[in-house]
C-alpha atoms as a PDB file:
ATOM      1  CA  MET A   1     -48.377  86.287 -25.670  1.00  0.00           C
ATOM      2  CA  ILE A   2     -49.904  89.680 -24.901  1.00  0.00           C
ATOM      3  CA  VAL A   3     -53.390  89.660 -23.437  1.00  0.00           C
ATOM      4  CA  ALA A   4     -55.220  92.978 -23.581  1.00  0.00           C
ATOM      5  CA  VAL A   5     -58.377  93.522 -21.586  1.00  0.00           C
ATOM      6  CA  GLY A   6     -60.638  96.228 -22.960  1.00  0.00           C
ATOM      7  CA  TRP A   7     -61.019  98.258 -19.786  1.00  0.00           C
ATOM      8  CA  VAL A   8     -57.266  98.177 -19.132  1.00  0.00           C
ATOM      9  CA  VAL A   9     -56.478  99.474 -22.598  1.00  0.00           C
ATOM     10  CA  THR A  10     -59.208 102.098 -22.310  1.00  0.00           C
ATOM     11  CA  SER A  11     -57.992 103.308 -18.923  1.00  0.00           C
ATOM     12  CA  VAL A  12     -54.366 103.447 -20.076  1.00  0.00           C
ATOM     13  CA  ARG A  13     -55.421 105.304 -23.205  1.00  0.00           C
ATOM     14  CA  GLN A  14     -57.485 107.782 -21.173  1.00  0.00           C
ATOM     15  CA  PHE A  15     -54.617 108.279 -18.722  1.00  0.00           C
ATOM     16  CA  THR A  16     -52.178 108.807 -21.572  1.00  0.00           C
ATOM     17  CA  ILE A  17     -54.441 111.279 -23.348  1.00  0.00           C
ATOM     18  CA  ALA A  18     -55.709 113.196 -20.309  1.00  0.00           C
ATOM     19  CA  ASN A  19     -52.358 113.497 -18.529  1.00  0.00           C
ATOM     20  CA  SER A  20     -50.121 114.264 -21.438  1.00  0.00           C
ATOM     21  CA  ASN A  21     -48.436 117.147 -23.103  1.00  0.00           C
ATOM     22  CA  HIS A  22     -47.336 115.364 -26.260  1.00  0.00           C
ATOM     23  CA  PRO A  23     -46.518 117.583 -29.240  1.00  0.00           C
ATOM     24  CA  ASN A  24     -48.398 115.381 -31.727  1.00  0.00           C
ATOM     25  CA  HIS A  25     -50.374 112.177 -32.147  1.00  0.00           C
ATOM     26  CA  THR A  26     -47.350 110.176 -33.267  1.00  0.00           C
ATOM     27  CA  VAL A  27     -45.481 110.812 -30.018  1.00  0.00           C
ATOM     28  CA  GLN A  28     -48.666 110.164 -28.034  1.00  0.00           C
ATOM     29  CA  THR A  29     -49.225 106.836 -29.822  1.00  0.00           C
ATOM     30  CA  GLN A  30     -45.634 105.810 -29.130  1.00  0.00           C
ATOM     31  CA  ALA A  31     -46.127 106.558 -25.425  1.00  0.00           C
ATOM     32  CA  LEU A  32     -49.364 104.587 -25.420  1.00  0.00           C
ATOM     33  CA  HIS A  33     -47.698 101.567 -27.036  1.00  0.00           C
ATOM     34  CA  ALA A  34     -44.658 101.767 -24.755  1.00  0.00           C
ATOM     35  CA  ASN A  35     -46.713 101.046 -21.608  1.00  0.00           C
ATOM     36  CA  PRO A  36     -47.716  97.423 -22.390  1.00  0.00           C
ATOM     37  CA  ARG A  37     -44.204  96.730 -23.686  1.00  0.00           C
ATOM     38  CA  TRP A  38     -42.733  97.974 -20.405  1.00  0.00           C
ATOM     39  CA  ARG A  39     -45.267  96.008 -18.301  1.00  0.00           C
ATOM     40  CA  ASN A  40     -44.566  92.802 -20.230  1.00  0.00           C
ATOM     41  CA  ALA A  41     -40.802  93.288 -19.964  1.00  0.00           C
ATOM     42  CA  ASN A  42     -40.997  94.022 -16.220  1.00  0.00           C
ATOM     43  CA  ALA A  43     -43.602  91.450 -15.210  1.00  0.00           C
ATOM     44  CA  ARG A  44     -43.061  89.733 -11.893  1.00  0.00           C
ATOM     45  CA  HIS A  45     -43.324  85.981 -11.504  1.00  0.00           C
ATOM     46  CA  ARG A  46     -46.665  84.575 -10.271  1.00  0.00           C
ATOM     47  CA  ASP A  47     -45.041  82.680  -7.422  1.00  0.00           C
ATOM     48  CA  VAL A  48     -43.386  85.857  -6.135  1.00  0.00           C
ATOM     49  CA  LEU A  49     -46.677  87.773  -6.271  1.00  0.00           C
ATOM     50  CA  ALA A  50     -48.499  84.950  -4.473  1.00  0.00           C
ATOM     51  CA  ALA A  51     -45.846  84.827  -1.744  1.00  0.00           C
ATOM     52  CA  GLU A  52     -46.056  88.606  -1.257  1.00  0.00           C
ATOM     53  CA  ARG A  53     -49.858  88.453  -1.016  1.00  0.00           C
ATOM     54  CA  LYS A  54     -49.662  85.620   1.494  1.00  0.00           C
ATOM     55  CA  GLU A  55     -47.153  87.509   3.642  1.00  0.00           C
ATOM     56  CA  ARG A  56     -49.264  90.697   3.600  1.00  0.00           C
ATOM     57  CA  ALA A  57     -52.329  88.665   4.611  1.00  0.00           C
ATOM     58  CA  ARG A  58     -50.366  87.027   7.441  1.00  0.00           C
ATOM     59  CA  ILE A  59     -49.218  90.402   8.756  1.00  0.00           C
ATOM     60  CA  ARG A  60     -52.698  91.922   8.493  1.00  0.00           C
ATOM     61  CA  GLY A  61     -54.333  88.790   9.936  1.00  0.00           C
ATOM     62  CA  GLY A  62     -53.067  89.324  13.458  1.00  0.00           C
ATOM     63  CA  LYS A  63     -53.956  93.002  13.550  1.00  0.00           C
ATOM     64  CA  GLY A  64     -57.435  92.955  11.985  1.00  0.00           C
ATOM     65  CA  ILE A  65     -56.410  95.537   9.410  1.00  0.00           C
ATOM     66  CA  ARG A  66     -58.154  95.876   6.071  1.00  0.00           C
ATOM     67  CA  TRP A  67     -56.573  96.876   2.746  1.00  0.00           C
ATOM     68  CA  GLY A  68     -57.093 100.596   3.405  1.00  0.00           C
ATOM     69  CA  GLY A  69     -54.964 100.436   6.541  1.00  0.00           C
ATOM     70  CA  ARG A  70     -57.834 101.133   8.946  1.00  0.00           C
ATOM     71  CA  PRO A  71     -58.708  98.642  11.684  1.00  0.00           C
ATOM     72  CA  LEU A  72     -61.967  96.740  11.301  1.00  0.00           C
ATOM     73  CA  ALA A  73     -64.932  98.214  13.174  1.00  0.00           C
ATOM     74  CA  THR A  74     -65.576  96.291  16.356  1.00  0.00           C
ATOM     75  CA  ALA A  75     -69.120  95.133  17.111  1.00  0.00           C
ATOM     76  CA  ALA A  76     -70.588  96.905  20.133  1.00  0.00           C
END
């Protein structure tokens, strides 16, 4: 089952159109349709993703590091 969210499709379409040098619309459409096929074929298992998230949180937890890689601001 393929689930398409509107903003995802729109952003992929915009990326494909704006960052492309396709000779015609047929080739561009094929490239646009190839992305969800590739993502579905190369999807990672939920349990693996959850374990990776948990490990990253554990590593960051001891250091007080946010997602951007910068330490949290200390209260003065």
